[in-house]
Protein backbone atom coordinates (compact mmCIF):
# COMPACT_ATOMS: atom_id res chain seq x y z
CA MET A 1 -18.72 -13.87 -17.83
CA ASP A 2 -19.75 -17.16 -19.48
CA TRP A 3 -17.85 -19.87 -21.36
CA LEU A 4 -18.33 -18.18 -24.72
CA ASP A 5 -16.66 -15.04 -23.35
CA ILE A 6 -13.78 -17.15 -22.05
CA LEU A 7 -13.32 -18.85 -25.42
CA GLN A 8 -13.16 -15.45 -27.11
CA ARG A 9 -10.47 -14.29 -24.65
CA ILE A 10 -8.51 -17.52 -25.20
CA ASP A 11 -8.75 -17.04 -28.97
CA LYS A 12 -7.52 -13.44 -28.62
CA GLY A 13 -4.47 -14.54 -26.60
CA GLU A 14 -2.64 -13.15 -23.60
CA ASP A 15 -2.34 -9.42 -23.07
CA GLU A 16 -2.30 -6.88 -20.23
CA LEU A 17 -5.82 -7.93 -19.16
CA THR A 18 -5.59 -11.69 -19.79
CA GLU A 19 -3.16 -14.38 -18.67
CA PHE A 20 -3.24 -18.16 -19.08
CA GLY A 21 -1.80 -20.62 -16.57
CA ARG A 22 -1.50 -24.28 -15.66
CA TYR A 23 -2.72 -25.65 -12.35
CA ARG A 24 -1.35 -29.15 -11.85
CA SER A 25 -1.06 -29.40 -8.05
CA TRP A 26 -2.57 -27.91 -4.90
CA ASN A 27 0.65 -26.06 -4.09
CA GLU A 28 0.76 -23.96 -7.26
CA LYS A 29 0.30 -20.27 -6.38
CA ASP A 30 2.19 -18.38 -9.10
CA TRP A 31 -1.13 -17.16 -10.46
CA LEU A 32 -1.50 -15.10 -7.26
CA LYS A 33 1.26 -12.75 -8.42
CA THR A 34 -0.71 -12.11 -11.59
CA VAL A 35 -3.89 -11.48 -9.58
CA CYS A 36 -1.94 -9.03 -7.40
CA ALA A 37 -0.60 -7.17 -10.44
CA MET A 38 -4.00 -7.01 -12.11
CA ALA A 39 -5.68 -5.76 -8.93
CA ASN A 40 -3.11 -2.95 -8.74
CA SER A 41 -3.56 -2.08 -12.42
CA ARG A 42 -6.77 -2.23 -14.45
CA GLY A 43 -8.10 -5.58 -13.27
CA GLY A 44 -8.04 -8.59 -15.58
CA LEU A 45 -8.73 -12.24 -16.21
CA VAL A 46 -6.63 -15.25 -15.17
CA ILE A 47 -7.58 -18.48 -16.95
CA LEU A 48 -6.24 -21.73 -15.46
CA GLY A 49 -6.02 -24.89 -17.53
CA VAL A 50 -4.80 -23.16 -20.69
CA LEU A 51 -1.25 -23.19 -22.09
CA ASP A 52 0.59 -20.03 -23.20
CA ASP A 53 -0.26 -20.77 -26.85
CA GLY A 54 -3.98 -20.94 -26.06
CA VAL A 55 -4.29 -24.74 -26.10
CA ILE A 56 -6.66 -26.08 -23.43
CA ASP A 57 -5.04 -28.81 -21.32
CA GLY A 58 -7.39 -28.66 -18.31
CA VAL A 59 -6.86 -28.71 -14.57
CA PRO A 60 -6.50 -32.39 -13.50
CA LEU A 61 -7.89 -31.90 -9.98
CA ASP A 62 -11.28 -32.14 -8.33
CA SER A 63 -13.30 -29.17 -9.64
CA GLU A 64 -15.10 -28.40 -6.39
CA LYS A 65 -11.89 -28.45 -4.37
CA VAL A 66 -10.12 -26.23 -6.93
CA GLN A 67 -12.86 -23.64 -6.56
CA GLU A 68 -12.58 -23.83 -2.76
CA ARG A 69 -8.79 -23.44 -2.90
CA LEU A 70 -8.99 -20.51 -5.28
CA SER A 71 -11.56 -18.77 -3.09
CA ASN A 72 -9.43 -19.32 0.02
CA PHE A 73 -6.26 -18.00 -1.66
CA LEU A 74 -8.10 -14.92 -2.89
CA GLN A 75 -9.17 -14.20 0.68
CA ASN A 76 -5.92 -15.02 2.46
CA GLY A 77 -3.08 -15.34 -0.05
CA LEU A 78 -2.41 -11.63 -0.58
CA SER A 79 -2.06 -8.63 1.70
CA HIS A 80 -5.80 -7.92 1.40
CA PRO A 81 -8.80 -9.98 0.27
CA VAL A 82 -9.22 -9.74 -3.50
CA ARG A 83 -12.47 -8.69 -5.14
CA ALA A 84 -12.83 -11.31 -7.84
CA HIS A 85 -15.40 -13.58 -9.51
CA LEU A 86 -14.73 -17.29 -10.03
CA GLY A 87 -16.01 -19.44 -12.87
CA ARG A 88 -15.43 -22.88 -14.38
CA HIS A 89 -16.35 -25.02 -17.35
CA GLU A 90 -15.78 -28.69 -18.22
CA ASP A 91 -14.25 -28.82 -21.67
CA PRO A 92 -13.65 -32.20 -23.38
CA LYS A 93 -9.95 -31.68 -22.60
CA GLY A 94 -10.58 -30.99 -18.91
CA TRP A 95 -11.83 -28.38 -16.44
CA VAL A 96 -11.01 -24.74 -17.10
CA HIS A 97 -11.20 -22.31 -14.15
CA TRP A 98 -11.09 -18.54 -14.38
CA ILE A 99 -10.70 -15.60 -12.03
CA LEU A 100 -12.10 -12.23 -13.07
CA VAL A 101 -10.14 -9.69 -10.99
CA ASP A 102 -11.52 -6.26 -10.10
CA ARG A 103 -9.26 -3.26 -9.79
CA MET A 104 -8.16 -2.79 -6.18
CA ARG A 105 -9.91 -0.10 -4.15
CA GLY A 106 -8.40 0.24 -0.69
CA PRO A 107 -5.96 1.97 1.62
CA GLU A 108 -2.85 0.77 -0.24
CA PRO A 109 -1.76 -1.36 -3.22
CA MET A 110 -2.09 -5.13 -3.08
CA LYS A 111 1.03 -7.13 -2.18
CA TYR A 112 2.08 -10.72 -2.88
CA ARG A 113 4.68 -12.11 -0.48
CA GLY A 114 5.32 -8.59 0.75
CA ARG A 115 5.94 -7.12 -2.71
CA VAL A 116 3.87 -4.85 -4.92
CA TYR A 117 3.32 -5.92 -8.55
CA VAL A 118 1.78 -4.20 -11.58
CA ARG A 119 0.98 -5.35 -15.11
CA ARG A 120 3.35 -4.41 -17.94
CA GLY A 121 1.95 -5.89 -21.12
CA ARG A 122 1.82 -9.66 -20.59
CA SER A 123 4.10 -9.68 -17.52
CA SER A 124 3.66 -8.93 -13.83
CA ASP A 125 6.59 -6.87 -12.52
CA GLU A 126 7.59 -4.81 -9.50
CA PRO A 127 7.12 -1.09 -10.17
CA GLY A 128 10.05 1.30 -10.30
CA ALA A 129 10.38 4.17 -7.85
CA THR A 130 8.37 6.63 -9.96
CA GLU A 131 5.69 4.04 -10.76
CA LEU A 132 5.42 3.17 -7.07
CA GLN A 133 4.96 6.82 -6.15
CA GLU A 134 2.19 7.18 -8.73
CA LEU A 135 0.58 3.96 -7.52
CA TYR A 136 0.46 5.09 -3.91
CA ASN A 137 -0.90 8.44 -5.06
CA VAL A 138 -3.69 6.60 -6.90
CA PHE A 139 -4.56 4.83 -3.68
CA GLY A 140 -4.67 8.13 -1.82
CA ILE A 141 -1.44 7.78 0.15
CA VAL A 142 -0.18 11.33 0.67
CA LEU A 143 2.45 11.07 3.35
CA THR A 144 2.74 13.60 6.09
CA GLU A 145 4.65 12.85 9.26
CA GLU A 146 1.52 11.92 11.22
CA ARG A 147 0.20 9.54 8.53
CA ILE A 148 0.25 5.85 9.43
CA ILE A 149 2.24 3.46 7.27
CA PRO A 150 -0.04 0.58 6.20
CA GLY A 151 1.09 -2.88 7.25
CA THR A 152 3.33 -1.73 10.11
CA THR A 153 2.89 -2.79 13.74
CA VAL A 154 4.37 -1.90 17.10
CA ALA A 155 7.07 -4.51 16.35
CA ASP A 156 8.44 -2.20 13.64
CA ILE A 157 9.42 0.33 16.32
CA GLU A 158 12.78 -0.14 18.06
CA ALA A 159 11.64 0.16 21.67
CA GLU A 160 15.14 0.67 23.08
CA VAL A 161 15.84 3.54 20.68
CA PHE A 162 12.62 5.22 21.81
CA ARG A 163 13.49 4.69 25.51
CA GLU A 164 16.97 6.17 25.03
CA TYR A 165 15.48 9.17 23.27
CA MET A 166 13.02 9.75 26.10
CA LEU A 167 15.87 9.52 28.63
CA LYS A 168 17.65 12.32 26.75
CA ARG A 169 14.51 14.35 27.34
CA GLY A 170 14.63 13.51 31.04
CA VAL A 171 11.80 10.95 31.01
CA ASP A 172 12.29 7.36 32.14
CA ILE A 173 9.20 5.79 30.58
CA ALA A 174 9.72 2.55 32.51
CA GLN A 175 9.31 4.37 35.83
CA ASP A 176 7.90 7.84 35.27
CA THR A 177 4.85 7.24 33.08
CA GLY A 178 3.42 4.01 34.46
CA LEU A 179 2.01 3.29 31.00
CA SER A 180 2.52 0.35 28.68
CA LEU A 181 5.05 0.90 25.92
CA GLU A 182 2.34 0.75 23.27
CA THR A 183 0.27 3.40 25.05
CA ASP A 184 3.30 5.63 25.45
CA LEU A 185 4.15 5.25 21.77
CA ARG A 186 0.57 6.18 20.90
CA ASN A 187 0.64 9.23 23.18
CA ARG A 188 3.91 10.39 21.54
CA GLU A 189 2.40 9.94 18.03
CA VAL A 190 4.88 7.21 17.18
CA LEU A 191 1.86 4.95 16.68
CA ASP A 192 -1.68 5.66 15.62
CA GLU A 193 -4.79 3.59 15.12
CA ASP A 194 -6.09 2.65 11.69
CA MET A 195 -9.73 2.23 10.68
CA ASP A 196 -9.70 -1.38 11.87
CA GLY A 197 -8.44 -0.44 15.34
CA GLN A 198 -4.91 -1.75 14.70
CA GLN A 199 -1.88 0.15 15.98
CA ARG A 200 0.34 1.25 13.08
CA ALA A 201 3.61 3.18 13.01
CA THR A 202 3.36 6.75 11.78
CA LEU A 203 5.81 8.10 9.24
CA PHE A 204 7.38 10.12 12.05
CA GLY A 205 7.63 7.06 14.29
CA LEU A 206 9.10 4.83 11.60
CA LEU A 207 11.72 7.32 10.39
CA CYS A 208 12.83 8.34 13.89
CA PHE A 209 12.47 5.08 15.85
CA GLY A 210 11.88 2.31 13.31
CA ARG A 211 13.79 -0.96 13.08
CA ALA A 212 14.08 -0.89 9.28
CA PRO A 213 12.35 2.17 7.84
CA GLN A 214 13.12 1.28 4.21
CA ASP A 215 11.44 -2.16 4.44
CA HIS A 216 7.97 -0.72 3.80
CA GLY A 217 6.45 0.23 0.47
CA PRO A 218 5.72 3.94 1.03
CA THR A 219 9.10 4.56 2.73
CA ARG A 220 11.34 2.32 0.63
CA ASN A 221 13.09 5.28 -1.06
CA PHE A 222 13.60 7.49 1.98
CA TRP A 223 17.38 7.49 2.25
CA ILE A 224 20.38 9.60 1.15
CA ASP A 225 22.19 8.81 -2.12
CA LEU A 226 25.89 9.73 -2.09
CA VAL A 227 28.10 10.19 -5.17
CA ALA A 228 31.63 11.59 -5.64
CA TYR A 229 32.89 12.55 -9.12
CA ALA A 230 36.41 12.95 -10.50
CA GLY A 231 35.77 16.42 -11.87
CA VAL A 232 33.19 19.20 -11.89
CA SER A 233 30.43 17.47 -13.89
CA ARG A 234 28.13 14.47 -13.61
CA ALA A 235 29.66 13.32 -16.88
CA ASP A 236 32.98 12.74 -15.10
CA GLU A 237 34.03 9.40 -13.66
CA VAL A 238 32.32 8.29 -10.45
CA LEU A 239 34.97 7.82 -7.77
CA SER A 240 32.70 6.58 -5.01
CA SER A 241 29.01 6.03 -4.32
CA ALA A 242 26.95 4.82 -1.39
CA GLN A 243 23.53 4.88 0.25
CA ALA A 244 22.90 6.17 3.77
CA ARG A 245 19.91 4.17 5.02
CA GLY A 246 18.24 3.60 8.38
CA ARG A 247 16.59 6.04 10.76
CA LEU A 248 17.08 9.71 10.04
CA ASP A 249 19.84 10.21 12.62
CA GLU A 250 21.60 7.11 11.24
CA GLN A 251 21.32 8.48 7.71
CA VAL A 252 23.02 11.72 8.75
CA LYS A 253 25.82 9.90 10.57
CA ARG A 254 26.39 7.40 7.75
CA ALA A 255 26.50 10.20 5.18
CA GLU A 256 29.07 12.00 7.35
CA ASP A 257 31.15 8.82 7.61
CA TRP A 258 31.13 8.45 3.83
CA LEU A 259 32.18 12.07 3.34
CA ARG A 260 34.96 11.58 5.88
CA SER A 261 36.18 8.57 3.89
CA LEU A 262 36.78 10.78 0.84
CA GLY A 263 39.84 12.25 2.54
CA ARG A 264 40.74 15.62 3.99
CA GLN A 265 42.52 18.78 3.01
CA GLU A 266 45.69 19.92 4.73
CA ARG A 267 46.23 23.48 5.96
CA TYR A 268 49.15 24.89 7.94
CA ARG A 269 48.97 27.51 10.65
CA GLY A 270 52.65 28.37 11.08
CA LEU A 271 54.37 25.02 11.57
CA VAL A 272 51.20 23.24 12.74
CA ARG A 273 49.30 21.15 10.21
CA GLU A 274 45.52 20.96 10.38
CA ASP A 275 43.45 18.25 8.68
CA LEU A 276 40.22 19.71 7.35
CA TRP A 277 37.08 18.22 5.78
CA ILE A 278 36.55 18.85 2.07
CA VAL A 279 34.13 21.50 3.34
CA PRO A 280 33.48 22.36 7.01
CA GLN A 281 31.90 19.49 8.93
CA LYS A 282 29.42 21.74 10.73
CA ALA A 283 28.20 23.17 7.44
CA VAL A 284 27.78 19.71 5.92
CA ARG A 285 25.89 18.44 8.95
CA GLU A 286 23.49 21.38 8.85
CA CYS A 287 22.78 20.68 5.19
CA LEU A 288 22.18 16.97 5.83
CA VAL A 289 19.97 17.55 8.86
CA ASN A 290 17.97 20.22 7.06
CA ALA A 291 17.46 17.83 4.16
CA VAL A 292 16.07 14.93 6.22
CA ALA A 293 14.07 17.24 8.50
CA HIS A 294 12.43 19.41 5.87
CA ARG A 295 12.13 17.27 2.75
CA ASP A 296 8.68 16.66 1.32
CA TYR A 297 7.88 13.06 2.25
CA SER A 298 4.80 13.05 0.05
CA ILE A 299 7.19 12.73 -2.92
CA LEU A 300 7.62 8.97 -2.69
CA GLY A 301 9.91 8.19 -5.61
CA ALA A 302 12.73 10.63 -4.87
CA ARG A 303 15.72 10.52 -2.52
CA ILE A 304 18.01 13.11 -1.00
CA LEU A 305 21.13 13.37 -3.14
CA VAL A 306 24.61 14.41 -1.97
CA GLU A 307 27.13 15.01 -4.77
CA VAL A 308 30.80 15.83 -4.34
CA PHE A 309 32.67 17.49 -7.23
CA ASP A 310 36.20 18.86 -7.37
CA ASP A 311 34.90 22.39 -6.79
CA ARG A 312 31.72 21.95 -4.73
CA LEU A 313 29.48 19.80 -2.57
CA VAL A 314 25.78 19.79 -3.51
CA VAL A 315 22.83 18.58 -1.41
CA THR A 316 19.50 18.24 -3.25
CA SER A 317 16.30 17.54 -1.30
CA PRO A 318 12.86 16.66 -2.76
CA GLY A 319 10.13 19.28 -2.44
CA ALA A 320 9.83 23.01 -1.92
CA LEU A 321 11.16 25.22 0.85
CA PRO A 322 9.01 24.69 3.98
CA ASN A 323 5.80 26.71 4.13
CA HIS A 324 6.63 28.66 0.95
CA LYS A 325 9.55 30.53 2.52
CA ARG A 326 11.82 32.55 0.22
CA PRO A 327 15.52 31.62 -0.12
CA GLU A 328 16.48 35.08 1.14
CA SER A 329 14.46 34.55 4.31
CA VAL A 330 15.98 31.11 4.90
CA LEU A 331 19.55 32.34 4.43
CA ALA A 332 18.87 35.23 6.80
CA GLY A 333 17.63 32.87 9.52
CA GLY A 334 13.99 33.93 9.45
CA VAL A 335 11.32 32.65 11.83
CA PRO A 336 11.81 28.85 11.94
CA ARG A 337 9.12 26.85 10.18
CA SER A 338 9.24 23.15 9.47
CA ARG A 339 7.20 20.97 7.20
CA ASN A 340 7.83 18.12 9.65
CA GLU A 341 7.73 19.58 13.16
CA ALA A 342 7.88 16.30 15.10
CA ILE A 343 10.85 15.04 13.07
CA ALA A 344 12.66 18.38 13.46
CA ASN A 345 12.08 18.31 17.23
CA VAL A 346 13.58 14.82 17.55
CA LEU A 347 16.67 15.81 15.56
CA PHE A 348 17.00 18.89 17.78
CA ASP A 349 16.70 16.78 20.94
CA LEU A 350 19.37 14.38 19.61
CA GLY A 351 21.79 17.29 19.20
CA LEU A 352 21.86 17.13 15.42
CA MET A 353 20.13 20.49 15.17
CA GLU A 354 21.07 23.54 17.16
CA GLN A 355 18.86 26.54 17.75
CA ARG A 356 15.93 26.35 15.33
CA GLY A 357 16.19 28.82 12.49
CA SER A 358 19.94 29.34 12.85
CA GLY A 359 21.06 26.62 10.43
CA TYR A 360 21.75 28.60 7.29
CA PRO A 361 23.37 31.57 9.07
CA ARG A 362 25.66 29.00 10.70
CA ILE A 363 26.44 27.44 7.31
CA SER A 364 27.25 30.90 5.92
CA ARG A 365 29.54 31.67 8.86
CA GLU A 366 31.40 28.35 8.52
CA MET A 367 31.88 28.80 4.76
CA ARG A 368 33.10 32.38 5.03
CA THR A 369 35.67 31.29 7.59
CA PHE A 370 36.64 28.33 5.41
CA ASN A 371 37.20 30.08 2.07
CA GLY A 372 35.25 33.34 2.01
CA THR A 373 32.29 31.94 0.03
CA ASP A 374 28.57 31.94 0.75
CA PRO A 375 26.32 28.89 0.30
CA LEU A 376 24.15 28.94 -2.80
CA LEU A 377 20.49 28.09 -2.07
CA GLU A 378 18.31 27.31 -5.08
CA HIS A 379 14.81 25.94 -5.50
CA ASP A 380 12.82 24.65 -8.45
CA GLY A 381 9.95 26.80 -9.69
CA ASP A 382 7.69 23.74 -9.78
CA GLU A 383 8.54 22.94 -6.15
CA ARG A 384 10.25 19.66 -6.99
CA TRP A 385 13.57 20.25 -5.21
CA VAL A 386 15.70 22.48 -3.00
CA ARG A 387 19.47 22.55 -3.57
CA VAL A 388 22.34 23.83 -1.44
CA THR A 389 25.83 24.24 -2.90
CA LEU A 390 28.92 24.58 -0.70
CA TRP A 391 31.97 25.71 -2.63
CA ARG A 392 35.22 23.81 -2.11
CA ILE A 393 37.08 26.51 -4.04
CA VAL A 394 36.17 30.12 -4.77
CA PRO A 395 33.71 30.00 -7.73
CA ASP A 396 35.66 32.24 -10.09
CA GLN A 397 38.69 29.94 -9.79
CA GLY A 398 37.30 26.97 -11.64
CA THR A 399 33.57 26.40 -11.53
CA GLU A 400 31.50 25.22 -14.44
């Protein structure tokens, strides 16, 4: 790209592929966000020394040093080195520098100060949940529980949580294994090695033993959304809402705490009053645990959703039923199959799951005892979601 090409781009003005910027001091780095966004989108051109209206005002700094600084920032200022071509020209009004950015090709999107950016017209913005999912799909990130999460390290694993879990399994890793913590984490598939030989947390490791699982791009939406309505429809007033974040066991417990905060129902056996959950606690827990254990984690932009209505509690989980099982087979307690075996095993070891494959029969038993109803299990024909409905009242007495 020569100076004539640059003049034509300046004359055309800013757009999705072109941005102008000033560069008045060595500390100015705002242009890096634009480079990040362009690398994650279609590539583009950043021209420094030009005002927003296309007027050239020049970069008032040593030209050679500017080129050196730009080259250094492109190598070290973002999460990965940027593929870009530098150019410059001395106009009568001053030096103009430009950066021709290639589209990013790598293991994950480019980040600036830990955040992903994309181009939207003339601006560089953070992508929404759906955009982020599509972006990671473009870069080939299809998450299964053994897949490493780019950018993580052994420091992202809560070592004490892992040790306590191993003690529950009867293993004192400090004495019994004789291995370093990092080696033990690797042997247990909590860590794995990337192409550069660096130890990274796996999806399984991060969700079950991570310090802050939602602090990383691919896993930022893996939590439980909670909403309670004043009626039987989403159009009714929202009484309460929350988010259950953290590790998977923490998500289940925090969701339970939120449900408990909604109040209880009273029932009398003779003269003795019993305080009951809005639906049986054991049934709710099974639904929550099944959701975090069996959801499809390759669907990056979606979250588990728990909704409480006057007549029902609904748990919706992203993805299809595990291994193409039929709803009838699941409700009958067929041979247990899990999309995420390692995650399911940890939840079982922590006592959040009981005998594998018995979850839905247990839910049915609890609901029949509670009010004589059966859980309703539905799934989307396009394999986008699985939904379980627990009735708070008998359906023919006031459902939609």
